[in-house]
Amino acid sequence: MNTRTLTVALACIATVALVGCDPAATEPTPDAPAATEPAAKAPAPSIVEEVPVEKKAVPNFVGMGLQSAQDTAQKEGFFVLTSHDSAGRGRAQAFDRNWKVCSQNMAAGKTVPVDTKLDFGTVKLEETCPANDAKEPEVAGEKMPNLVGKAVKVARDALDPSTSITVTDAAQGRMVLMESNWQVCTQDPAPGVALNGQPVEFTAVKFEESC
């Protein structure tokens, strides 16, 4: 064997020996599976404790000006406040200082959660509180309700918004502008008549006047 052949044979033997000893050349066996990353732990659910709503006794607001009643309620922690027209005329309390409290939906002294809605029944300062809150008529269904004596605004709100309505002054031929200041004297159709989209006519006078 010449020197060149011997050198090549030794090189081949050395290569086989190195590959056989290299750990990277071995493959995992079923008995020795490859290592895996540990699973991430799920975060523990947060526990939210419900804080009970504070309860307080309701003050007596009757006789107060509406603005003063609202301020007093807020000082006591009551912030859900509303008001309505005790006279049943559908007027909005645009300027609270011009109105006074006649009734309240929660009796004075009653202990309730401070997030309870307080509703004040009111009239204007120069008016007398009614014995009971005047109830506004229910929204008309299939038949015409009795709207005589009601504010024209309330009568209009009781009818379907698509209804064609004509209002005329029963006394002097004036224009009926502020409908909450006018009361219905007559109506057509009459109470109980079936409503099928026909126009509605009212005559009216101001509340301080007689029909």
N, C-alpha and C. Protein backbone atom coordinates (compact mmCIF):
# COMPACT_ATOMS: atom_id res chain seq x y z
N MET A 1 0.87 -1.20 0.00
CA MET A 1 0.00 0.00 0.00
C MET A 1 0.89 1.22 0.00
N ASN A 2 0.64 2.14 -0.90
CA ASN A 2 1.50 3.32 -0.96
C ASN A 2 1.07 4.31 0.09
N THR A 3 1.86 5.34 0.22
CA THR A 3 1.65 6.34 1.29
C THR A 3 0.35 7.10 1.08
N ARG A 4 -0.05 7.44 -0.15
CA ARG A 4 -1.26 8.19 -0.43
C ARG A 4 -2.48 7.40 -0.02
N THR A 5 -2.49 6.09 -0.35
CA THR A 5 -3.64 5.25 -0.01
C THR A 5 -3.79 5.14 1.49
N LEU A 6 -2.67 5.02 2.23
CA LEU A 6 -2.70 4.90 3.69
C LEU A 6 -3.25 6.17 4.32
N THR A 7 -2.86 7.29 3.78
CA THR A 7 -3.32 8.58 4.34
C THR A 7 -4.83 8.72 4.20
N VAL A 8 -5.36 8.37 3.04
CA VAL A 8 -6.82 8.45 2.79
C VAL A 8 -7.56 7.52 3.72
N ALA A 9 -7.06 6.33 3.95
CA ALA A 9 -7.73 5.35 4.83
C ALA A 9 -7.77 5.85 6.24
N LEU A 10 -6.67 6.44 6.71
CA LEU A 10 -6.63 6.96 8.09
C LEU A 10 -7.60 8.12 8.25
N ALA A 11 -7.72 8.93 7.23
CA ALA A 11 -8.64 10.08 7.30
C ALA A 11 -10.08 9.61 7.39
N CYS A 12 -10.41 8.56 6.65
CA CYS A 12 -11.79 8.04 6.69
C CYS A 12 -12.09 7.46 8.06
N ILE A 13 -11.11 6.72 8.65
CA ILE A 13 -11.32 6.14 9.99
C ILE A 13 -11.53 7.24 11.02
N ALA A 14 -10.74 8.31 10.91
CA ALA A 14 -10.85 9.43 11.87
C ALA A 14 -12.21 10.11 11.75
N THR A 15 -12.71 10.27 10.52
CA THR A 15 -14.01 10.92 10.30
C THR A 15 -15.13 10.12 10.93
N VAL A 16 -15.10 8.79 10.74
CA VAL A 16 -16.13 7.91 11.32
C VAL A 16 -16.10 7.98 12.82
N ALA A 17 -14.90 8.03 13.41
CA ALA A 17 -14.77 8.08 14.87
C ALA A 17 -15.33 9.36 15.42
N LEU A 18 -15.09 10.49 14.74
CA LEU A 18 -15.57 11.79 15.24
C LEU A 18 -17.09 11.88 15.17
N VAL A 19 -17.67 11.43 14.06
CA VAL A 19 -19.14 11.48 13.92
C VAL A 19 -19.80 10.60 14.95
N GLY A 20 -19.25 9.45 15.20
CA GLY A 20 -19.84 8.53 16.16
C GLY A 20 -19.80 9.08 17.57
N CYS A 21 -18.89 9.96 17.91
CA CYS A 21 -18.77 10.50 19.27
C CYS A 21 -19.45 11.84 19.42
N ASP A 22 -19.91 12.46 18.33
CA ASP A 22 -20.52 13.80 18.41
C ASP A 22 -21.94 13.69 18.98
N PRO A 23 -22.25 14.29 20.16
CA PRO A 23 -23.61 14.20 20.72
C PRO A 23 -24.65 14.81 19.82
N ALA A 24 -24.27 15.83 19.05
CA ALA A 24 -25.25 16.50 18.20
C ALA A 24 -25.74 15.61 17.10
N ALA A 25 -24.99 14.57 16.78
CA ALA A 25 -25.38 13.70 15.68
C ALA A 25 -26.41 12.67 16.10
N THR A 26 -26.59 12.51 17.42
CA THR A 26 -27.57 11.52 17.88
C THR A 26 -28.97 12.11 17.84
N GLU A 27 -30.00 11.31 17.60
CA GLU A 27 -31.38 11.73 17.55
C GLU A 27 -32.11 11.21 18.77
N PRO A 28 -33.12 11.94 19.27
CA PRO A 28 -33.85 11.47 20.45
C PRO A 28 -34.59 10.18 20.16
N THR A 29 -34.62 9.34 21.16
CA THR A 29 -35.33 8.07 21.06
C THR A 29 -36.65 8.18 21.78
N PRO A 30 -37.55 7.24 21.54
CA PRO A 30 -38.84 7.28 22.25
C PRO A 30 -38.68 7.29 23.76
N ASP A 31 -37.55 6.64 24.25
CA ASP A 31 -37.33 6.61 25.70
C ASP A 31 -36.78 7.93 26.22
N ALA A 32 -36.30 8.76 25.36
CA ALA A 32 -35.70 10.03 25.78
C ALA A 32 -36.25 11.14 24.92
N PRO A 33 -37.49 11.60 25.17
CA PRO A 33 -38.09 12.67 24.35
C PRO A 33 -37.37 13.99 24.55
N ALA A 34 -37.53 14.83 23.53
CA ALA A 34 -36.88 16.15 23.59
C ALA A 34 -37.51 16.98 24.70
N ALA A 35 -36.71 17.83 25.32
CA ALA A 35 -37.19 18.69 26.41
C ALA A 35 -38.16 19.73 25.86
N THR A 36 -39.18 20.09 26.65
CA THR A 36 -40.16 21.10 26.24
C THR A 36 -40.19 22.24 27.23
N GLU A 37 -40.73 23.42 26.76
CA GLU A 37 -40.84 24.60 27.63
C GLU A 37 -41.94 24.36 28.66
N PRO A 38 -41.76 24.75 29.91
CA PRO A 38 -42.83 24.60 30.91
C PRO A 38 -44.02 25.48 30.55
N ALA A 39 -45.25 24.96 30.75
CA ALA A 39 -46.47 25.72 30.43
C ALA A 39 -46.61 26.92 31.36
N ALA A 40 -47.04 28.06 30.75
CA ALA A 40 -47.21 29.27 31.55
C ALA A 40 -48.44 29.11 32.44
N LYS A 41 -48.35 29.56 33.68
CA LYS A 41 -49.46 29.46 34.61
C LYS A 41 -50.51 30.51 34.29
N ALA A 42 -51.78 30.11 34.30
CA ALA A 42 -52.88 31.06 34.07
C ALA A 42 -52.99 32.00 35.26
N PRO A 43 -53.24 33.30 34.98
CA PRO A 43 -53.34 34.25 36.09
C PRO A 43 -54.55 33.93 36.96
N ALA A 44 -54.38 34.09 38.25
CA ALA A 44 -55.48 33.83 39.18
C ALA A 44 -56.59 34.85 38.97
N PRO A 45 -57.86 34.42 38.95
CA PRO A 45 -58.97 35.37 38.74
C PRO A 45 -59.02 36.39 39.87
N SER A 46 -59.27 37.65 39.46
CA SER A 46 -59.34 38.72 40.46
C SER A 46 -60.72 38.68 41.14
N ILE A 47 -60.73 38.95 42.39
CA ILE A 47 -61.96 38.93 43.18
C ILE A 47 -62.38 40.37 43.43
N VAL A 48 -63.59 40.75 42.91
CA VAL A 48 -64.10 42.10 43.09
C VAL A 48 -65.18 42.07 44.17
N GLU A 49 -64.97 42.80 45.20
CA GLU A 49 -65.94 42.85 46.28
C GLU A 49 -66.94 43.97 46.02
N GLU A 50 -68.23 43.65 46.14
CA GLU A 50 -69.27 44.65 45.95
C GLU A 50 -69.41 45.47 47.23
N VAL A 51 -69.31 46.80 47.04
CA VAL A 51 -69.45 47.68 48.18
C VAL A 51 -70.92 48.02 48.35
N PRO A 52 -71.52 47.75 49.49
CA PRO A 52 -72.95 48.04 49.68
C PRO A 52 -73.22 49.55 49.58
N VAL A 53 -74.37 49.89 48.96
CA VAL A 53 -74.75 51.30 48.79
C VAL A 53 -75.19 51.84 50.14
N GLU A 54 -74.72 53.02 50.46
CA GLU A 54 -75.08 53.66 51.72
C GLU A 54 -76.58 53.98 51.75
N LYS A 55 -77.17 53.86 52.91
CA LYS A 55 -78.58 54.19 53.09
C LYS A 55 -78.72 55.38 54.03
N LYS A 56 -79.70 56.23 53.71
CA LYS A 56 -79.96 57.41 54.55
C LYS A 56 -81.45 57.68 54.61
N ALA A 57 -81.84 58.42 55.63
CA ALA A 57 -83.23 58.84 55.76
C ALA A 57 -83.50 59.99 54.80
N VAL A 58 -84.65 59.95 54.13
CA VAL A 58 -85.02 60.99 53.18
C VAL A 58 -85.49 62.23 53.93
N PRO A 59 -84.93 63.40 53.64
CA PRO A 59 -85.41 64.63 54.29
C PRO A 59 -86.81 65.00 53.83
N ASN A 60 -87.42 65.92 54.55
CA ASN A 60 -88.72 66.46 54.15
C ASN A 60 -88.48 67.67 53.25
N PHE A 61 -88.85 67.54 51.98
CA PHE A 61 -88.61 68.61 51.01
C PHE A 61 -89.85 69.46 50.75
N VAL A 62 -91.02 69.00 51.18
CA VAL A 62 -92.27 69.71 50.87
C VAL A 62 -92.23 71.12 51.46
N GLY A 63 -92.59 72.08 50.62
CA GLY A 63 -92.58 73.48 51.04
C GLY A 63 -91.31 74.22 50.66
N MET A 64 -90.26 73.49 50.31
CA MET A 64 -89.01 74.13 49.88
C MET A 64 -89.13 74.63 48.45
N GLY A 65 -88.31 75.61 48.11
CA GLY A 65 -88.12 75.93 46.71
C GLY A 65 -87.42 74.77 46.04
N LEU A 66 -87.69 74.56 44.77
CA LEU A 66 -87.12 73.40 44.09
C LEU A 66 -85.60 73.41 44.11
N GLN A 67 -84.98 74.57 43.90
CA GLN A 67 -83.52 74.64 43.91
C GLN A 67 -82.97 74.28 45.29
N SER A 68 -83.61 74.79 46.34
CA SER A 68 -83.17 74.48 47.70
C SER A 68 -83.33 73.00 48.00
N ALA A 69 -84.43 72.41 47.54
CA ALA A 69 -84.66 70.98 47.76
C ALA A 69 -83.58 70.15 47.08
N GLN A 70 -83.23 70.53 45.87
CA GLN A 70 -82.19 69.79 45.14
C GLN A 70 -80.84 69.92 45.83
N ASP A 71 -80.51 71.12 46.30
CA ASP A 71 -79.23 71.33 47.00
C ASP A 71 -79.18 70.51 48.28
N THR A 72 -80.29 70.50 49.03
CA THR A 72 -80.35 69.74 50.27
C THR A 72 -80.19 68.24 50.01
N ALA A 73 -80.86 67.76 48.98
CA ALA A 73 -80.77 66.34 48.63
C ALA A 73 -79.33 65.95 48.30
N GLN A 74 -78.65 66.79 47.55
CA GLN A 74 -77.28 66.49 47.16
C GLN A 74 -76.33 66.52 48.35
N LYS A 75 -76.55 67.42 49.30
CA LYS A 75 -75.72 67.46 50.51
C LYS A 75 -75.86 66.17 51.32
N GLU A 76 -77.06 65.57 51.25
CA GLU A 76 -77.30 64.33 51.97
C GLU A 76 -76.82 63.10 51.19
N GLY A 77 -76.34 63.32 49.96
CA GLY A 77 -75.81 62.20 49.17
C GLY A 77 -76.75 61.67 48.12
N PHE A 78 -77.93 62.29 47.97
CA PHE A 78 -78.88 61.87 46.94
C PHE A 78 -78.64 62.70 45.67
N PHE A 79 -78.22 62.04 44.60
CA PHE A 79 -77.88 62.76 43.38
C PHE A 79 -78.77 62.39 42.19
N VAL A 80 -79.63 61.38 42.34
CA VAL A 80 -80.53 61.00 41.25
C VAL A 80 -81.85 61.73 41.49
N LEU A 81 -82.00 62.90 40.86
CA LEU A 81 -83.12 63.78 41.14
C LEU A 81 -83.90 64.10 39.87
N THR A 82 -85.21 64.22 40.01
CA THR A 82 -86.06 64.65 38.91
C THR A 82 -87.25 65.41 39.49
N SER A 83 -88.03 66.04 38.64
CA SER A 83 -89.20 66.79 39.10
C SER A 83 -90.25 66.81 38.00
N HIS A 84 -91.48 67.12 38.39
CA HIS A 84 -92.58 67.18 37.42
C HIS A 84 -93.58 68.23 37.86
N ASP A 85 -94.50 68.55 36.97
CA ASP A 85 -95.53 69.56 37.21
C ASP A 85 -96.70 68.92 37.94
N SER A 86 -96.89 69.30 39.22
CA SER A 86 -97.99 68.72 40.00
C SER A 86 -99.36 69.12 39.49
N ALA A 87 -99.43 70.20 38.73
CA ALA A 87 -100.72 70.66 38.21
C ALA A 87 -101.14 69.85 36.99
N GLY A 88 -100.28 68.97 36.51
CA GLY A 88 -100.63 68.13 35.37
C GLY A 88 -100.63 68.86 34.04
N ARG A 89 -99.90 69.99 33.98
CA ARG A 89 -99.89 70.77 32.75
C ARG A 89 -98.69 70.46 31.87
N GLY A 90 -97.84 69.58 32.31
CA GLY A 90 -96.71 69.16 31.49
C GLY A 90 -95.63 70.20 31.34
N ARG A 91 -95.58 71.16 32.25
CA ARG A 91 -94.56 72.21 32.14
C ARG A 91 -93.21 71.70 32.62
N ALA A 92 -92.15 72.18 31.97
CA ALA A 92 -90.80 71.83 32.38
C ALA A 92 -90.31 72.84 33.42
N GLN A 93 -89.55 72.35 34.39
CA GLN A 93 -89.00 73.23 35.43
C GLN A 93 -87.67 73.81 34.93
N ALA A 94 -87.81 74.76 34.01
CA ALA A 94 -86.62 75.33 33.37
C ALA A 94 -85.80 76.16 34.35
N PHE A 95 -86.46 76.92 35.22
CA PHE A 95 -85.78 77.74 36.22
C PHE A 95 -86.22 77.25 37.60
N ASP A 96 -85.38 76.44 38.23
CA ASP A 96 -85.76 75.75 39.46
C ASP A 96 -86.19 76.71 40.57
N ARG A 97 -85.59 77.89 40.62
CA ARG A 97 -85.92 78.84 41.69
C ARG A 97 -87.33 79.41 41.56
N ASN A 98 -87.99 79.20 40.42
CA ASN A 98 -89.35 79.69 40.22
C ASN A 98 -90.41 78.65 40.60
N TRP A 99 -89.96 77.51 41.14
CA TRP A 99 -90.87 76.42 41.48
C TRP A 99 -90.71 76.02 42.94
N LYS A 100 -91.79 75.49 43.52
CA LYS A 100 -91.73 75.00 44.89
C LYS A 100 -92.21 73.55 44.94
N VAL A 101 -91.77 72.82 45.97
CA VAL A 101 -92.07 71.41 46.08
C VAL A 101 -93.41 71.20 46.79
N CYS A 102 -94.30 70.45 46.16
CA CYS A 102 -95.61 70.10 46.73
C CYS A 102 -95.63 68.67 47.26
N SER A 103 -94.87 67.79 46.64
CA SER A 103 -94.88 66.37 47.03
C SER A 103 -93.54 65.74 46.69
N GLN A 104 -93.30 64.59 47.27
CA GLN A 104 -92.08 63.83 46.98
C GLN A 104 -92.43 62.37 46.94
N ASN A 105 -91.77 61.63 46.03
CA ASN A 105 -92.13 60.22 45.83
C ASN A 105 -91.68 59.33 46.97
N MET A 106 -90.67 59.76 47.74
CA MET A 106 -90.20 58.99 48.89
C MET A 106 -90.56 59.76 50.16
N ALA A 107 -91.29 59.10 51.05
CA ALA A 107 -91.77 59.78 52.25
C ALA A 107 -90.61 60.27 53.12
N ALA A 108 -90.80 61.41 53.73
CA ALA A 108 -89.78 61.96 54.63
C ALA A 108 -89.54 60.99 55.78
N GLY A 109 -88.27 60.76 56.10
CA GLY A 109 -87.91 59.86 57.18
C GLY A 109 -87.67 58.43 56.75
N LYS A 110 -88.10 58.07 55.55
CA LYS A 110 -87.90 56.70 55.07
C LYS A 110 -86.42 56.48 54.72
N THR A 111 -85.85 55.39 55.17
CA THR A 111 -84.44 55.09 54.90
C THR A 111 -84.34 54.31 53.59
N VAL A 112 -83.59 54.87 52.65
CA VAL A 112 -83.44 54.26 51.32
C VAL A 112 -81.99 54.38 50.88
N PRO A 113 -81.55 53.56 49.91
CA PRO A 113 -80.20 53.72 49.35
C PRO A 113 -80.05 55.11 48.71
N VAL A 114 -78.86 55.67 48.80
CA VAL A 114 -78.66 57.04 48.30
C VAL A 114 -78.73 57.12 46.78
N ASP A 115 -78.73 55.97 46.08
CA ASP A 115 -78.87 56.02 44.62
C ASP A 115 -80.34 55.90 44.19
N THR A 116 -81.27 56.00 45.15
CA THR A 116 -82.70 55.99 44.84
C THR A 116 -83.09 57.29 44.13
N LYS A 117 -83.94 57.20 43.10
CA LYS A 117 -84.40 58.40 42.41
C LYS A 117 -85.42 59.14 43.27
N LEU A 118 -85.20 60.42 43.48
CA LEU A 118 -86.15 61.28 44.19
C LEU A 118 -86.86 62.15 43.17
N ASP A 119 -88.19 62.09 43.18
CA ASP A 119 -89.01 62.83 42.23
C ASP A 119 -89.85 63.85 43.01
N PHE A 120 -89.69 65.14 42.65
CA PHE A 120 -90.41 66.20 43.33
C PHE A 120 -91.59 66.66 42.48
N GLY A 121 -92.79 66.66 43.06
CA GLY A 121 -93.95 67.27 42.41
C GLY A 121 -93.95 68.75 42.72
N THR A 122 -94.08 69.62 41.71
CA THR A 122 -93.89 71.05 41.90
C THR A 122 -94.96 71.88 41.20
N VAL A 123 -95.11 73.12 41.69
CA VAL A 123 -95.88 74.15 40.99
C VAL A 123 -95.08 75.44 41.07
N LYS A 124 -95.48 76.43 40.32
CA LYS A 124 -94.79 77.71 40.37
C LYS A 124 -95.04 78.39 41.71
N LEU A 125 -94.16 79.30 42.08
CA LEU A 125 -94.20 79.91 43.40
C LEU A 125 -95.53 80.58 43.71
N GLU A 126 -96.14 81.21 42.72
CA GLU A 126 -97.39 81.94 42.95
C GLU A 126 -98.62 81.04 42.93
N GLU A 127 -98.45 79.75 42.67
CA GLU A 127 -99.57 78.84 42.57
C GLU A 127 -99.78 78.06 43.87
N THR A 128 -100.98 77.53 44.05
CA THR A 128 -101.31 76.72 45.22
C THR A 128 -101.11 75.24 44.89
N CYS A 129 -100.48 74.53 45.80
CA CYS A 129 -100.26 73.10 45.57
C CYS A 129 -101.60 72.38 45.51
N PRO A 130 -101.79 71.48 44.58
CA PRO A 130 -103.04 70.69 44.53
C PRO A 130 -103.08 69.68 45.67
N ALA A 131 -104.27 69.25 46.01
CA ALA A 131 -104.40 68.24 47.06
C ALA A 131 -103.67 66.96 46.67
N ASN A 132 -103.71 66.62 45.41
CA ASN A 132 -103.00 65.44 44.88
C ASN A 132 -102.40 65.81 43.53
N ASP A 133 -101.32 65.15 43.20
CA ASP A 133 -100.73 65.36 41.88
C ASP A 133 -101.75 65.04 40.80
N ALA A 134 -101.92 65.95 39.85
CA ALA A 134 -102.82 65.68 38.72
C ALA A 134 -102.15 64.66 37.81
N LYS A 135 -102.88 63.62 37.47
CA LYS A 135 -102.33 62.57 36.62
C LYS A 135 -102.50 62.93 35.15
N GLU A 136 -101.44 62.81 34.41
CA GLU A 136 -101.54 63.05 32.97
C GLU A 136 -102.23 61.86 32.31
N PRO A 137 -103.00 62.10 31.26
CA PRO A 137 -103.72 61.00 30.61
C PRO A 137 -102.76 60.01 29.97
N GLU A 138 -103.21 58.76 29.92
CA GLU A 138 -102.40 57.75 29.25
C GLU A 138 -102.38 58.01 27.74
N VAL A 139 -101.34 57.53 27.11
CA VAL A 139 -101.23 57.70 25.65
C VAL A 139 -102.40 56.99 24.99
N ALA A 140 -103.03 57.69 24.06
CA ALA A 140 -104.22 57.15 23.40
C ALA A 140 -103.89 55.86 22.66
N GLY A 141 -104.84 54.93 22.73
CA GLY A 141 -104.70 53.68 21.99
C GLY A 141 -105.61 53.69 20.78
N GLU A 142 -106.59 52.82 20.78
CA GLU A 142 -107.50 52.72 19.64
C GLU A 142 -108.67 53.69 19.73
N LYS A 143 -108.89 54.26 20.94
CA LYS A 143 -110.01 55.17 21.12
C LYS A 143 -109.55 56.52 21.64
N MET A 144 -110.32 57.55 21.33
CA MET A 144 -110.01 58.91 21.74
C MET A 144 -110.23 59.05 23.24
N PRO A 145 -109.22 59.53 23.99
CA PRO A 145 -109.41 59.74 25.43
C PRO A 145 -110.16 61.04 25.69
N ASN A 146 -110.61 61.22 26.93
CA ASN A 146 -111.26 62.47 27.33
C ASN A 146 -110.16 63.44 27.75
N LEU A 147 -109.97 64.49 26.97
CA LEU A 147 -108.89 65.44 27.21
C LEU A 147 -109.40 66.81 27.64
N VAL A 148 -110.69 66.96 27.83
CA VAL A 148 -111.25 68.24 28.27
C VAL A 148 -110.72 68.58 29.66
N GLY A 149 -110.26 69.82 29.82
CA GLY A 149 -109.69 70.26 31.09
C GLY A 149 -108.19 70.05 31.19
N LYS A 150 -107.63 69.28 30.29
CA LYS A 150 -106.20 69.04 30.29
C LYS A 150 -105.48 70.17 29.55
N ALA A 151 -104.22 70.37 29.88
CA ALA A 151 -103.43 71.33 29.13
C ALA A 151 -103.33 70.89 27.68
N VAL A 152 -103.34 71.84 26.78
CA VAL A 152 -103.24 71.50 25.36
C VAL A 152 -101.95 70.72 25.10
N LYS A 153 -100.87 71.09 25.78
CA LYS A 153 -99.60 70.37 25.60
C LYS A 153 -99.75 68.90 26.00
N VAL A 154 -100.41 68.67 27.14
CA VAL A 154 -100.62 67.31 27.62
C VAL A 154 -101.52 66.55 26.66
N ALA A 155 -102.56 67.21 26.16
CA ALA A 155 -103.47 66.57 25.20
C ALA A 155 -102.72 66.18 23.93
N ARG A 156 -101.87 67.05 23.46
CA ARG A 156 -101.09 66.74 22.25
C ARG A 156 -100.18 65.54 22.50
N ASP A 157 -99.52 65.52 23.67
CA ASP A 157 -98.61 64.43 23.99
C ASP A 157 -99.32 63.10 24.13
N ALA A 158 -100.62 63.13 24.44
CA ALA A 158 -101.37 61.89 24.63
C ALA A 158 -101.75 61.24 23.31
N LEU A 159 -101.65 61.99 22.22
CA LEU A 159 -102.03 61.46 20.91
C LEU A 159 -100.80 61.00 20.12
N ASP A 160 -101.05 60.18 19.13
CA ASP A 160 -99.96 59.71 18.29
C ASP A 160 -99.26 60.90 17.65
N PRO A 161 -97.91 60.90 17.59
CA PRO A 161 -97.18 62.04 17.03
C PRO A 161 -97.56 62.38 15.59
N SER A 162 -98.12 61.43 14.86
CA SER A 162 -98.48 61.69 13.47
C SER A 162 -99.85 62.36 13.33
N THR A 163 -100.57 62.53 14.45
CA THR A 163 -101.93 63.07 14.39
C THR A 163 -101.92 64.55 13.98
N SER A 164 -102.79 64.91 13.07
CA SER A 164 -102.97 66.32 12.68
C SER A 164 -103.89 66.98 13.70
N ILE A 165 -103.40 68.05 14.37
CA ILE A 165 -104.14 68.68 15.47
C ILE A 165 -104.32 70.16 15.18
N THR A 166 -105.54 70.64 15.35
CA THR A 166 -105.85 72.06 15.22
C THR A 166 -106.36 72.57 16.56
N VAL A 167 -105.78 73.69 17.05
CA VAL A 167 -106.20 74.28 18.32
C VAL A 167 -106.62 75.72 18.06
N THR A 168 -107.84 76.08 18.49
CA THR A 168 -108.33 77.45 18.32
C THR A 168 -108.77 78.00 19.67
N ASP A 169 -108.66 79.32 19.81
CA ASP A 169 -109.07 80.01 21.03
C ASP A 169 -110.59 80.03 21.11
N ALA A 170 -111.14 79.52 22.20
CA ALA A 170 -112.59 79.46 22.36
C ALA A 170 -113.20 80.80 22.76
N ALA A 171 -112.34 81.79 23.08
CA ALA A 171 -112.86 83.05 23.61
C ALA A 171 -112.65 84.24 22.68
N GLN A 172 -111.38 84.49 22.29
CA GLN A 172 -111.08 85.76 21.63
C GLN A 172 -110.36 85.62 20.29
N GLY A 173 -110.19 84.44 19.80
CA GLY A 173 -109.51 84.29 18.53
C GLY A 173 -108.01 84.49 18.60
N ARG A 174 -107.41 84.34 19.79
CA ARG A 174 -105.96 84.50 19.94
C ARG A 174 -105.21 83.27 19.43
N MET A 175 -103.92 83.47 19.17
CA MET A 175 -103.07 82.34 18.79
C MET A 175 -102.69 81.57 20.05
N VAL A 176 -102.76 80.27 19.97
CA VAL A 176 -102.39 79.42 21.11
C VAL A 176 -100.91 79.06 20.96
N LEU A 177 -100.07 79.80 21.68
CA LEU A 177 -98.63 79.64 21.52
C LEU A 177 -98.03 78.74 22.60
N MET A 178 -98.13 79.14 23.86
CA MET A 178 -97.59 78.35 24.96
C MET A 178 -98.66 77.35 25.40
N GLU A 179 -98.65 76.17 24.82
CA GLU A 179 -99.77 75.24 24.99
C GLU A 179 -99.94 74.76 26.43
N SER A 180 -98.90 74.81 27.25
CA SER A 180 -99.04 74.39 28.64
C SER A 180 -99.85 75.40 29.45
N ASN A 181 -100.07 76.60 28.91
CA ASN A 181 -100.86 77.63 29.59
C ASN A 181 -102.33 77.62 29.17
N TRP A 182 -102.69 76.70 28.29
CA TRP A 182 -104.06 76.64 27.77
C TRP A 182 -104.69 75.31 28.14
N GLN A 183 -106.01 75.34 28.47
CA GLN A 183 -106.75 74.12 28.78
C GLN A 183 -107.78 73.83 27.70
N VAL A 184 -107.99 72.57 27.46
CA VAL A 184 -108.92 72.13 26.42
C VAL A 184 -110.36 72.34 26.89
N CYS A 185 -111.17 72.99 26.05
CA CYS A 185 -112.59 73.19 26.34
C CYS A 185 -113.46 72.17 25.61
N THR A 186 -113.17 71.96 24.36
CA THR A 186 -113.92 70.97 23.58
C THR A 186 -112.95 70.17 22.72
N GLN A 187 -113.40 69.00 22.32
CA GLN A 187 -112.56 68.16 21.47
C GLN A 187 -113.42 67.46 20.44
N ASP A 188 -112.82 67.20 19.30
CA ASP A 188 -113.46 66.45 18.23
C ASP A 188 -112.37 65.60 17.57
N PRO A 189 -112.47 64.29 17.61
CA PRO A 189 -113.57 63.42 18.01
C PRO A 189 -113.87 63.46 19.52
N ALA A 190 -115.05 62.99 19.86
CA ALA A 190 -115.48 62.91 21.24
C ALA A 190 -114.79 61.73 21.93
N PRO A 191 -114.77 61.73 23.25
CA PRO A 191 -114.17 60.60 23.98
C PRO A 191 -114.81 59.28 23.59
N GLY A 192 -113.99 58.27 23.39
CA GLY A 192 -114.48 56.94 23.07
C GLY A 192 -114.58 56.63 21.59
N VAL A 193 -114.47 57.66 20.73
CA VAL A 193 -114.54 57.43 19.28
C VAL A 193 -113.27 56.71 18.82
N ALA A 194 -113.44 55.77 17.91
CA ALA A 194 -112.29 55.01 17.39
C ALA A 194 -111.34 55.95 16.64
N LEU A 195 -110.06 55.77 16.90
CA LEU A 195 -109.03 56.57 16.22
C LEU A 195 -108.49 55.78 15.03
N ASN A 196 -108.58 56.39 13.85
CA ASN A 196 -108.06 55.73 12.65
C ASN A 196 -107.21 56.69 11.83
N GLY A 197 -106.57 57.66 12.52
CA GLY A 197 -105.71 58.61 11.82
C GLY A 197 -106.40 59.89 11.43
N GLN A 198 -107.66 60.09 11.84
CA GLN A 198 -108.36 61.31 11.47
C GLN A 198 -107.80 62.53 12.22
N PRO A 199 -107.95 63.73 11.65
CA PRO A 199 -107.49 64.94 12.34
C PRO A 199 -108.27 65.16 13.64
N VAL A 200 -107.64 65.87 14.58
CA VAL A 200 -108.25 66.17 15.88
C VAL A 200 -108.32 67.68 16.03
N GLU A 201 -109.45 68.17 16.56
CA GLU A 201 -109.63 69.61 16.77
C GLU A 201 -109.92 69.87 18.25
N PHE A 202 -109.24 70.91 18.79
CA PHE A 202 -109.48 71.36 20.16
C PHE A 202 -109.85 72.84 20.14
N THR A 203 -110.73 73.25 21.08
CA THR A 203 -110.86 74.66 21.41
C THR A 203 -110.32 74.80 22.83
N ALA A 204 -109.78 75.97 23.14
CA ALA A 204 -109.11 76.13 24.42
C ALA A 204 -109.15 77.55 24.90
N VAL A 205 -108.96 77.75 26.21
CA VAL A 205 -108.77 79.06 26.82
C VAL A 205 -107.60 78.96 27.79
N LYS A 206 -107.10 80.07 28.27
CA LYS A 206 -106.04 80.04 29.24
C LYS A 206 -106.57 79.50 30.57
N PHE A 207 -105.67 78.98 31.39
CA PHE A 207 -106.11 78.31 32.61
C PHE A 207 -106.83 79.23 33.58
N GLU A 208 -106.48 80.51 33.60
CA GLU A 208 -107.17 81.44 34.52
C GLU A 208 -108.54 81.87 33.99
N GLU A 209 -108.91 81.37 32.82
CA GLU A 209 -110.19 81.72 32.21
C GLU A 209 -111.15 80.54 32.25
N SER A 210 -112.42 80.83 32.09
CA SER A 210 -113.44 79.78 32.03
C SER A 210 -113.82 79.49 30.60
N CYS A 211 -114.07 78.25 30.32
CA CYS A 211 -114.44 77.86 28.96
C CYS A 211 -115.81 78.45 28.60
